[in-house]
Protein backbone atom coordinates (compact mmCIF):
# COMPACT_ATOMS: atom_id res chain seq x y z
CA MET A 1 101.99 73.19 68.93
CA VAL A 2 104.52 75.86 68.06
CA ASN A 3 105.14 74.31 64.64
CA HIS A 4 101.41 74.22 63.92
CA PHE A 5 101.10 77.89 64.73
CA LYS A 6 104.02 78.77 62.49
CA LYS A 7 102.19 77.13 59.61
CA LYS A 8 99.00 79.03 60.41
CA TRP A 9 100.18 82.59 60.92
CA LEU A 10 96.79 84.15 61.49
CA LEU A 11 95.84 81.59 64.10
CA HIS A 12 99.14 82.26 65.78
CA ALA A 13 98.37 86.00 65.77
CA LEU A 14 94.83 85.52 67.04
CA CYS A 15 95.44 82.89 69.70
CA SER A 16 99.04 83.23 70.76
CA LEU A 17 98.92 87.00 71.00
CA LEU A 18 95.69 86.95 72.99
CA VAL A 19 96.69 83.97 75.11
CA TYR A 20 100.24 84.96 76.00
CA THR A 21 102.53 87.95 75.83
CA ASN A 22 106.14 88.05 76.95
CA GLY A 23 107.73 90.91 78.33
CA TYR A 24 108.56 98.42 85.42
CA THR A 25 108.18 99.06 88.53
CA GLN A 26 110.22 101.14 90.99
CA ASN A 27 108.62 99.66 94.08
CA TYR A 28 111.35 97.92 96.04
CA TYR A 29 108.84 96.49 98.49
CA PRO A 30 111.17 95.87 101.44
CA LEU A 31 112.28 99.51 101.59
CA GLN A 32 108.83 101.09 101.52
CA GLY A 33 108.52 103.32 104.57
CA SER A 34 112.11 102.75 105.63
CA ASN A 35 114.29 105.71 106.67
CA TYR A 36 117.15 103.97 104.89
CA ALA A 37 115.42 103.73 101.48
CA GLY A 38 117.06 106.98 100.36
CA SER A 39 117.07 107.45 96.59
CA LEU A 40 115.24 104.16 96.02
CA GLY A 41 112.28 105.53 97.98
CA ILE A 42 111.69 108.32 95.45
CA GLY A 43 109.73 105.99 93.16
CA ASN A 44 107.22 105.25 95.93
CA ASN A 45 106.97 108.72 97.50
CA PRO A 46 109.15 111.74 96.64
CA ALA A 47 108.60 113.17 100.15
CA SER A 48 110.40 110.19 101.71
CA ILE A 49 113.89 111.49 100.97
CA VAL A 50 113.66 114.19 103.67
CA ASN A 51 113.41 111.80 106.61
CA SER A 52 116.75 110.03 106.15
CA PRO A 53 119.66 110.09 108.60
CA TYR A 54 122.25 110.03 105.82
CA GLN A 55 123.52 113.21 104.21
CA TRP A 56 123.60 111.48 100.82
CA ASP A 57 123.27 108.13 99.09
CA VAL A 58 123.68 106.87 95.53
CA ALA A 59 122.01 103.80 94.04
CA ILE A 60 124.76 102.85 91.61
CA LEU A 61 122.55 100.20 90.04
CA GLY A 62 119.13 98.80 90.76
CA ILE A 63 117.29 96.14 88.74
CA GLN A 64 113.81 94.83 89.28
CA LYS A 65 111.86 92.26 87.24
CA LYS A 66 108.25 91.20 87.77
CA ASN A 67 105.97 88.93 85.75
CA ALA A 68 102.57 87.29 86.13
CA THR A 69 100.32 85.20 83.88
CA ASN A 70 97.57 82.58 84.10
CA SER A 71 98.16 81.32 80.56
CA VAL A 72 101.64 79.80 80.50
CA ILE A 73 103.25 77.26 82.81
CA PHE A 74 107.00 76.67 82.99
CA ASN A 75 108.19 73.24 84.04
CA ASN A 76 111.57 72.15 85.43
CA TRP A 77 112.64 75.70 86.19
CA SER A 78 113.40 77.53 89.43
CA PHE A 79 116.06 80.02 90.52
CA PHE A 80 118.34 77.15 91.48
CA SER A 81 117.78 74.87 88.48
CA ASP A 82 119.34 74.76 85.04
CA PRO A 83 117.12 76.83 82.68
CA ARG A 84 118.29 74.69 79.77
CA ASN A 85 116.11 71.90 81.11
CA ALA A 86 113.04 74.15 81.27
CA HIS A 87 110.09 73.97 78.91
CA TYR A 88 106.73 75.69 78.79
CA ARG A 89 103.18 74.87 77.84
CA PHE A 90 100.02 76.86 77.34
CA ARG A 91 97.37 76.32 79.97
CA GLU A 92 94.32 74.66 78.44
CA GLY A 93 90.73 75.53 79.27
CA ASP A 94 88.06 78.18 78.82
CA PHE A 95 88.73 81.35 80.83
CA LYS A 96 89.89 84.98 80.67
CA ARG A 97 93.61 85.21 80.16
CA PHE A 98 96.23 87.75 81.17
CA ALA A 99 99.96 88.35 81.07
CA TYR A 100 102.04 91.04 82.75
CA ASP A 101 105.75 91.75 82.61
CA ASP A 102 107.76 94.75 83.74
CA LEU A 103 111.40 95.66 84.08
CA ASN A 104 113.02 98.62 85.77
CA VAL A 105 116.68 99.64 85.84
CA ASN A 106 117.89 102.47 88.11
CA LEU A 107 121.16 104.14 87.17
CA LEU A 108 122.97 106.54 89.53
CA ASN A 109 119.83 107.47 91.44
CA THR A 110 121.13 110.08 93.90
CA ARG A 111 119.75 111.68 97.04
CA ILE A 112 121.39 114.66 98.77
CA GLY A 113 120.21 116.03 102.09
CA ILE A 114 120.72 119.81 101.98
CA ASN A 115 119.79 120.00 105.64
CA ARG A 116 117.32 118.27 107.94
CA ARG A 117 114.38 120.02 106.31
CA GLN A 118 115.28 119.85 102.62
CA ALA A 119 116.60 117.24 100.18
CA ILE A 120 116.99 116.77 96.43
CA GLY A 121 117.21 113.70 94.24
CA PHE A 122 118.00 112.94 90.62
CA GLY A 123 118.93 110.05 88.38
CA LEU A 124 118.14 107.94 85.33
CA ASN A 125 115.66 105.08 84.95
CA LEU A 126 115.07 102.59 82.15
CA ARG A 127 111.50 101.26 82.26
CA SER A 128 109.51 98.75 80.29
CA TYR A 129 105.98 97.32 80.58
CA VAL A 130 104.20 94.64 78.61
CA GLN A 131 100.66 93.67 79.59
CA GLY A 132 97.76 91.96 77.89
CA SER A 133 94.35 90.50 78.62
CA THR A 134 91.51 88.76 76.81
CA GLY A 135 87.90 87.85 77.28
CA PRO A 136 87.07 84.16 77.74
CA ILE A 137 88.91 81.95 75.22
CA ASN A 138 88.81 78.19 75.01
CA PHE A 139 92.23 76.83 74.13
CA VAL A 140 93.96 73.46 73.81
CA ASP A 141 97.51 72.61 72.91
CA THR A 142 96.74 70.69 69.71
CA LEU A 143 95.22 73.38 67.47
CA LYS A 144 96.18 73.03 63.81
CA SER A 145 93.76 75.34 62.01
CA THR A 146 91.31 78.19 62.41
CA ARG A 147 88.49 75.62 62.31
CA ASP A 148 89.98 73.79 65.29
CA PHE A 149 89.94 77.05 67.21
CA PHE A 150 86.27 77.76 66.46
CA ASP A 151 85.28 74.12 67.07
CA LEU A 152 86.04 74.72 70.74
CA GLY A 153 83.04 77.03 70.91
CA ASN A 154 84.97 80.23 70.31
CA TYR A 155 82.68 81.17 67.42
CA ASN A 156 79.72 81.51 69.77
CA ARG A 157 81.07 84.54 71.66
CA ASN A 158 82.45 88.03 71.27
CA LEU A 159 86.23 87.69 70.99
CA HIS A 160 88.24 90.57 72.38
CA GLY A 161 91.65 91.30 73.84
CA ASP A 162 94.43 93.84 73.94
CA VAL A 163 98.18 94.09 74.45
CA THR A 164 100.01 97.28 75.46
CA HIS A 165 103.77 97.80 75.55
CA ALA A 166 105.86 100.88 76.34
CA GLY A 167 109.55 101.21 77.04
CA TRP A 168 111.24 104.49 77.85
CA ILE A 169 114.24 106.14 79.42
CA GLU A 170 113.59 108.94 81.91
CA PHE A 171 115.64 111.52 83.78
CA PHE A 172 114.09 112.72 87.02
CA ILE A 173 114.75 115.46 89.55
CA THR A 174 113.08 115.58 92.97
CA TRP A 175 112.63 118.32 95.56
CA ALA A 176 111.35 117.55 99.07
CA GLN A 177 111.11 119.59 102.24
CA THR A 178 109.49 119.80 105.65
CA ILE A 179 106.25 121.80 105.68
CA TRP A 180 105.85 121.97 109.44
CA ASP A 181 107.55 120.47 112.46
CA ASN A 182 106.17 120.51 115.99
CA PRO A 183 106.91 118.46 119.13
CA ASP A 184 104.39 115.74 118.26
CA SER A 185 104.42 115.47 114.47
CA ARG A 186 106.06 116.50 111.21
CA LEU A 187 104.79 116.90 107.65
CA ASN A 188 107.08 116.44 104.65
CA ALA A 189 106.18 116.97 101.00
CA GLY A 190 107.93 116.31 97.70
CA ILE A 191 107.58 116.56 93.93
CA THR A 192 109.36 114.75 91.11
CA ALA A 193 109.51 115.95 87.50
CA LYS A 194 110.48 113.46 84.80
CA VAL A 195 111.39 114.00 81.16
CA SER A 196 111.53 110.89 79.00
CA ARG A 197 112.16 109.43 75.57
CA GLY A 198 109.76 106.76 74.38
CA ILE A 199 112.06 104.22 72.81
CA SER A 200 109.63 101.36 72.17
CA GLY A 201 105.85 101.30 71.95
CA ALA A 202 103.18 98.94 70.66
CA TYR A 203 99.45 98.44 71.01
CA VAL A 204 97.10 95.70 69.78
CA ASN A 205 93.35 95.79 70.24
CA VAL A 206 90.76 93.29 68.98
CA LEU A 207 87.02 93.89 69.47
CA ASN A 208 83.79 92.21 68.36
CA GLY A 209 85.44 89.17 66.78
CA SER A 210 82.64 86.79 65.79
CA ALA A 211 81.71 84.01 63.37
CA THR A 212 78.68 81.93 62.44
CA GLN A 213 78.64 78.13 62.18
CA THR A 214 77.27 76.05 59.30
CA VAL A 215 77.20 72.25 59.57
CA HIS A 216 77.53 70.08 56.45
CA ASN A 217 77.78 66.28 56.81
CA ASN A 218 78.83 66.55 60.44
CA THR A 219 81.59 69.02 59.52
CA SER A 220 81.43 72.62 60.67
CA ASP A 221 82.32 75.60 58.55
CA TYR A 222 82.72 79.06 60.02
CA THR A 223 82.04 82.37 58.30
CA LEU A 224 83.68 85.39 59.87
CA GLN A 225 81.11 88.09 60.60
CA ASP A 226 82.61 91.10 62.31
CA VAL A 227 85.78 92.46 63.88
CA PHE A 228 87.51 95.68 64.76
CA ALA A 229 91.27 95.41 65.10
CA GLU A 230 94.15 97.82 65.36
CA TYR A 231 97.83 97.16 65.74
CA GLU A 232 100.46 99.86 65.94
CA TYR A 233 104.10 100.14 66.88
CA SER A 234 106.75 102.86 67.12
CA ASN A 235 108.42 103.76 63.84
CA ASN A 236 111.99 103.40 65.12
CA TYR A 237 111.61 99.67 64.40
CA ASP A 238 111.22 100.42 60.68
CA GLY A 239 114.83 101.57 60.35
CA TRP A 240 116.39 98.47 61.91
CA GLN A 241 118.40 96.83 59.13
CA LYS A 242 120.86 93.96 59.49
CA GLU A 243 123.33 95.44 57.03
CA LYS A 244 123.80 98.61 59.14
CA GLY A 245 125.36 96.86 62.11
CA SER A 246 124.33 96.87 65.77
CA LYS A 247 125.89 100.23 66.76
CA GLN A 248 124.36 102.15 63.88
CA ASN A 249 121.00 100.44 64.35
CA LEU A 250 120.96 101.34 68.03
CA ARG A 251 121.96 104.94 67.29
CA ASP A 252 119.18 105.28 64.71
CA PHE A 253 116.69 103.51 66.97
CA LEU A 254 117.24 105.98 69.81
CA SER A 255 117.41 109.05 67.55
CA HIS A 256 113.87 108.38 66.27
CA SER A 257 112.36 108.28 69.76
CA GLN A 258 109.83 110.88 70.93
CA GLY A 259 109.71 113.00 74.09
CA GLY A 260 107.39 112.55 77.07
CA PHE A 261 106.76 114.05 80.50
CA SER A 262 105.37 112.92 83.85
CA PHE A 263 105.44 113.91 87.52
CA ASP A 264 104.97 112.51 91.03
CA LEU A 265 103.60 114.19 94.15
CA GLY A 266 103.87 112.96 97.73
CA VAL A 267 103.43 113.78 101.41
CA GLU A 268 104.51 112.01 104.60
CA TYR A 269 103.10 112.67 108.06
CA LEU A 270 105.17 111.45 111.01
CA VAL A 271 103.84 110.87 114.50
CA LYS A 272 106.93 111.29 116.63
CA SER A 273 108.16 108.90 119.24
CA GLN A 274 107.61 110.19 122.79
CA GLN A 275 110.32 108.10 124.40
CA ILE A 276 112.69 109.75 126.87
CA THR A 277 116.30 109.88 125.66
CA THR A 278 119.69 110.54 127.20
CA VAL A 279 122.73 112.34 125.85
CA TRP A 280 124.30 108.99 124.96
CA ASP A 281 121.46 107.97 122.64
CA ASP A 282 121.57 108.43 118.88
CA ASP A 283 119.73 111.40 117.50
CA THR A 284 115.98 110.75 117.61
CA TYR A 285 115.09 113.46 115.06
CA TYR A 286 114.26 110.85 112.40
CA ASP A 287 112.46 108.44 114.73
CA TYR A 288 108.70 107.97 114.71
CA ASP A 289 105.97 105.73 116.03
CA TRP A 290 103.83 106.06 112.92
CA LYS A 291 104.51 107.33 109.41
CA PHE A 292 101.62 107.91 106.99
CA GLY A 293 102.35 108.50 103.32
CA ALA A 294 100.27 109.35 100.26
CA SER A 295 101.61 109.80 96.74
CA LEU A 296 100.30 110.31 93.23
CA LEU A 297 102.73 108.64 90.83
CA ASP A 298 103.48 108.57 87.10
CA VAL A 299 101.02 111.26 86.00
CA GLY A 300 101.89 111.65 82.31
CA PHE A 301 102.48 109.78 79.09
CA ASN A 302 104.99 108.76 76.44
CA GLN A 303 104.45 109.31 72.75
CA PHE A 304 105.52 107.41 69.65
CA LYS A 305 105.27 107.85 65.88
CA TYR A 306 103.27 105.21 64.03
CA GLY A 307 105.31 102.56 62.25
CA THR A 308 104.64 102.18 58.52
CA ASN A 309 102.96 98.78 58.94
CA SER A 310 100.53 99.92 61.63
CA ARG A 311 96.90 99.35 60.62
CA LYS A 312 93.28 99.79 61.71
CA MET A 313 90.60 97.57 60.18
CA SER A 314 86.95 96.68 60.61
CA GLY A 315 84.46 94.18 59.18
CA PHE A 316 84.91 91.19 56.86
CA LEU A 317 83.94 90.85 53.23
CA ASP A 318 81.21 88.35 52.37
CA ASN A 319 81.93 84.61 52.48
CA ILE A 320 85.24 84.81 54.33
CA THR A 321 85.44 81.39 55.95
CA ASP A 322 87.97 79.64 58.14
CA THR A 323 89.27 77.82 55.04
CA VAL A 324 89.89 81.11 53.24
CA ILE A 325 91.80 82.42 56.22
CA ASP A 326 94.01 79.34 56.42
CA ILE A 327 94.84 79.47 52.71
CA ARG A 328 95.45 83.22 52.60
CA PHE A 329 97.76 83.33 55.59
CA ASP A 330 99.46 79.96 55.23
CA ASP A 331 102.97 81.27 54.60
CA ILE A 332 103.22 84.66 56.26
CA ASN A 333 106.51 85.60 57.92
CA LYS A 334 106.40 89.41 58.10
CA LEU A 335 103.86 91.97 59.16
CA GLN A 336 104.08 93.61 55.74
CA GLU A 337 103.13 90.32 54.09
CA PHE A 338 100.17 90.03 56.44
CA ASN A 339 99.06 93.56 55.51
CA ASN A 340 99.30 92.73 51.81
CA GLU A 341 96.65 90.00 52.22
CA LEU A 342 94.12 92.17 54.03
CA PRO A 343 92.46 93.93 51.04
CA GLY A 344 90.75 90.70 49.99
CA ILE A 345 89.61 89.91 53.53
CA VAL A 346 88.34 92.98 55.40
CA ARG A 347 86.00 95.83 54.42
CA SER A 348 87.89 98.82 55.79
CA ILE A 349 91.65 99.31 56.18
CA LYS A 350 93.41 102.46 57.33
CA GLN A 351 97.06 103.28 57.88
CA PRO A 352 97.32 105.66 60.85
CA THR A 353 99.77 108.54 60.70
CA GLY A 354 101.22 111.00 63.18
CA THR A 355 101.79 110.01 66.80
CA PHE A 356 100.07 107.90 69.42
CA HIS A 357 100.29 108.23 73.21
CA ILE A 358 100.53 105.58 75.90
CA VAL A 359 99.47 106.76 79.35
CA ASN A 360 101.88 105.89 82.17
CA PRO A 361 100.73 103.67 85.05
CA THR A 362 99.21 106.54 87.05
CA ARG A 363 98.26 105.44 90.56
CA LEU A 364 97.51 106.60 94.08
CA VAL A 365 99.69 104.95 96.72
CA LEU A 366 98.92 104.96 100.44
CA ASN A 367 101.56 103.79 102.88
CA VAL A 368 101.60 103.24 106.66
CA ASP A 369 104.79 102.40 108.54
CA HIS A 370 104.79 101.52 112.25
CA PHE A 371 107.74 101.19 114.61
CA ILE A 372 107.25 98.21 116.94
CA THR A 373 110.35 97.84 119.10
CA GLY A 374 114.11 97.66 118.70
CA ALA A 375 114.75 97.35 114.96
CA TRP A 376 111.31 95.88 114.17
CA TYR A 377 108.83 97.63 111.90
CA ILE A 378 105.76 96.72 109.90
CA ASN A 379 104.68 98.43 106.69
CA GLY A 380 101.38 98.42 104.81
CA ASN A 381 101.07 99.64 101.24
CA ALA A 382 98.00 100.04 99.00
CA SER A 383 98.09 101.00 95.33
CA LEU A 384 95.07 102.14 93.27
CA ASN A 385 95.40 102.34 89.48
CA LEU A 386 94.05 105.61 88.05
CA SER A 387 95.10 105.51 84.38
CA SER A 388 91.66 104.20 83.34
CA PHE A 389 90.13 107.54 84.41
CA THR A 390 91.93 109.25 81.52
CA GLY A 391 89.54 107.56 79.09
CA VAL A 392 92.50 106.58 76.88
CA GLN A 393 92.62 102.98 75.67
CA ARG A 394 96.40 102.89 75.30
CA ARG A 395 97.35 102.89 78.97
CA LEU A 396 99.48 101.01 81.45
CA THR A 397 98.63 99.82 84.94
CA GLU A 398 100.59 98.55 87.93
CA LEU A 399 100.35 95.00 89.22
CA ASN A 400 100.64 96.18 92.83
CA MET A 401 97.55 96.35 95.02
CA LEU A 402 98.16 95.42 98.69
CA THR A 403 101.49 94.70 100.36
CA LEU A 404 102.29 93.96 104.02
CA THR A 405 105.98 93.89 104.98
CA PRO A 406 107.36 93.02 108.41
CA ARG A 407 111.02 94.01 108.61
CA TRP A 408 113.97 93.98 110.97
CA GLU A 409 116.37 96.70 109.90
CA THR A 410 119.43 98.54 111.15
CA LYS A 411 121.80 100.84 109.30
CA LYS A 412 123.76 97.99 107.73
CA LEU A 413 121.55 94.91 107.99
CA GLY A 414 117.94 94.12 107.19
CA PHE A 415 115.61 91.17 106.77
CA PHE A 416 112.26 91.61 105.07
CA LEU A 417 109.16 89.50 104.39
CA PRO A 418 106.90 91.28 101.85
CA ILE A 419 103.47 89.66 101.38
CA GLN A 420 101.65 90.83 98.26
CA PHE A 421 98.12 90.47 96.95
CA ASN A 422 98.13 91.88 93.42
CA THR A 423 95.51 93.08 90.96
CA LYS A 424 95.38 89.61 89.38
CA LYS A 425 94.26 88.12 92.73
CA GLN A 426 97.58 86.37 93.26
CA LEU A 427 99.11 86.01 96.72
CA TRP A 428 102.90 86.15 96.75
CA ILE A 429 105.16 85.76 99.77
CA GLY A 430 108.62 87.08 99.10
CA GLY A 431 111.81 87.82 100.99
CA ALA A 432 114.79 90.14 100.93
CA VAL A 433 118.03 90.81 102.75
CA LYS A 434 120.13 93.97 103.11
CA LEU A 435 123.84 93.42 103.64
CA GLY A 436 125.59 96.79 103.85
CA PRO A 437 125.25 98.39 100.40
CA LEU A 438 123.58 95.35 98.79
CA LEU A 439 119.83 94.70 98.65
CA LEU A 440 118.74 91.35 97.24
CA GLY A 441 115.20 89.99 97.13
CA LEU A 442 112.49 87.85 95.54
CA HIS A 443 108.84 88.70 94.92
CA ASN A 444 107.71 85.10 95.31
CA TRP A 445 109.47 82.35 97.24
CA ALA A 446 107.71 79.84 94.98
CA ASN A 447 110.33 80.74 92.36
CA VAL A 448 112.85 78.96 94.58
CA PHE A 449 110.90 76.05 96.04
CA SER A 450 108.78 75.10 93.03
CA LYS A 451 109.76 74.23 89.47
CA THR A 452 106.38 75.24 88.01
CA LYS A 453 105.98 78.83 89.30
CA MET A 454 108.61 80.89 87.48
CA GLN A 455 105.91 82.55 85.38
CA ASN A 456 104.67 84.39 88.49
CA GLY A 457 107.16 86.38 90.53
CA GLY A 458 110.56 87.89 89.80
CA GLY A 459 113.28 89.54 91.83
CA TYR A 460 115.36 92.64 92.44
CA LEU A 461 118.79 93.79 93.52
CA ALA A 462 120.35 97.15 94.22
CA LEU A 463 123.79 98.47 95.11
CA ILE A 464 123.57 101.60 97.27
CA LEU A 465 126.50 103.69 98.48
CA ARG A 466 126.21 105.83 101.64
CA PRO A 467 128.65 107.83 103.76
CA GLY A 468 130.69 105.84 106.25
CA ARG A 469 129.04 107.38 109.29
CA ASN A 470 125.42 108.07 110.04
CA THR A 471 125.08 111.86 109.92
CA GLY A 472 122.20 111.63 112.36
CA GLU A 473 124.29 110.58 115.36
CA ARG A 474 123.66 112.64 118.47
CA PRO A 475 126.62 114.84 119.46
CA ASP A 476 127.82 114.77 123.06
CA LYS A 477 126.14 117.79 124.72
CA ARG A 478 127.28 117.24 128.30
CA LEU A 479 129.79 120.08 128.11
CA ASP A 480 127.46 122.50 126.29
CA CYS A 481 126.84 125.79 128.08
CA PRO A 482 123.32 126.27 129.43
CA PRO A 483 121.09 128.48 127.24
CA GLY A 484 121.64 132.21 127.77
CA ARG A 485 125.24 131.91 129.02
C-alpha cells in the first residue's frame, strides 16, 4: 500500500494525511493531588506547590509521551518486544478517523518553599502536539488510484478533515501563597506566567471536498466539484539545507522562531484532618481529609511565520477528473512541485503572508483528592477543553477528560493505578511506581500485555531531587515553656 501511495502523491496527501498523522502534556497522572508532586504539580495546578512538606525540589528531567488513534494498528509490538519485528496497517472501514500524539519534556523544573504560606517555581519545558481528525472516510488497504478511493463511495459525501501541529519551548515562573488559614480549612492560590518560542507549527484544513460520478460501460469516472483547502507551516523549515550541516541548521531553525505567551491560574481548598495528635507525631500542617482544586491552564497561543510554500485554495476548474489528478500528480516528491501543478487544477490560489497563531490547549481542570487511611488516597480529575471557545480554527486540545487514581504513597515510595477515560472515548488502565527520586509509569497496561495496542497509550518517567529530610517533621515540644512564661 505504501508503494502505491508513493506513486500517487495526491491520493497519499488526501487519504494518508486525513487517515493518519504521526506525532504534550504535563499531567503526570499519579501525582495529581499529591503533597509530594512538588514542581511536577505546577502543570496541573500552580497553587499545589504551597502544600508540600519539602522546602525545595528539582525535577532534573521529566519525559511524558502519549498517543491515541483509531486508524492505525501496530502488530508484534509491546514494551517488552523487539520493535524491529513490528509492522503497522491502516484500519479498513467507513468511519470518522482521528490521531493524537503529544510529547512533553521537563528540564530543571524547580520548586522552592519560601515559608509555609508562600512558594515559587520555575523551569523549562519542551512541548509538542500533533492531532488530526476527519469526517467519515471509507478506506481499504489496496488503493492504487484516485478512482479506487472514490469507488468506495467517498464521492457521495462531503470530505473534510484537519491536522494541527505546534511545538514550542517555554520558560515558566510560578507564584503561590495561602489566602486564608483557619482551624478547619485552608485556601491556596497560584499563578504561572510562561514565555515561549514557537519552534515548529503546521496546519492543514480540507473542507467541502466533493465529486460527481459518471458511469460509462460499467466504469465510473469522477469529476471533482468543490473544495476549500489550506496548508501552512512555519518558515524556519524553509532554511533547512543539507549543505549547511546539522549545527548550523539547528541554529538557524531556532533563530527564526517567534515569541508566544500563556498563563495558568489555580486554587486549592483543603479540609483539614481533625485527628488528635501527640508530640511524637509528624507535623500535621500539610495533612487533610479532602483537597479540592480548580485550575485554568494554558491560556495563550504560539505564533509562527508562514512558510513560502504555504497555500490556500478553493474550487476546481471545469472537467478535472480523477484521471487528470492521477496524471498531474504522478511523480511529485516536494511540496513546491505540488504547488507548481495547482494553477491548472484549482480556481483560486493564494500564498498567505505574515504570521499565523495556534491556540494552546486551554482547559479547565477540576481535581478532588481524598485521604482514606494510612498512606492510602484516591484522586479524581476532570478536564474540560476550552480552546474551541476562542473561535480560532488553529487550536490544540487535550486528550484528558476523566481520571480516577487510587494511590498508596509515602515520602519515598508510591504505587499508583490511574484509570483514564479520554475525549476519544477510550478507557485506559495504567500504573506507576515511585522509588525515591524516580517516578516511572505507563498510561495503558495494554502496551505491555498486548502486541496490538501500542498505538494507544504511552508512558512517562521523572527524576526528582528533594532534601534528605522532610522539613515538615514535628519538633519535640515537650520541653517548651508554657505560653506567657
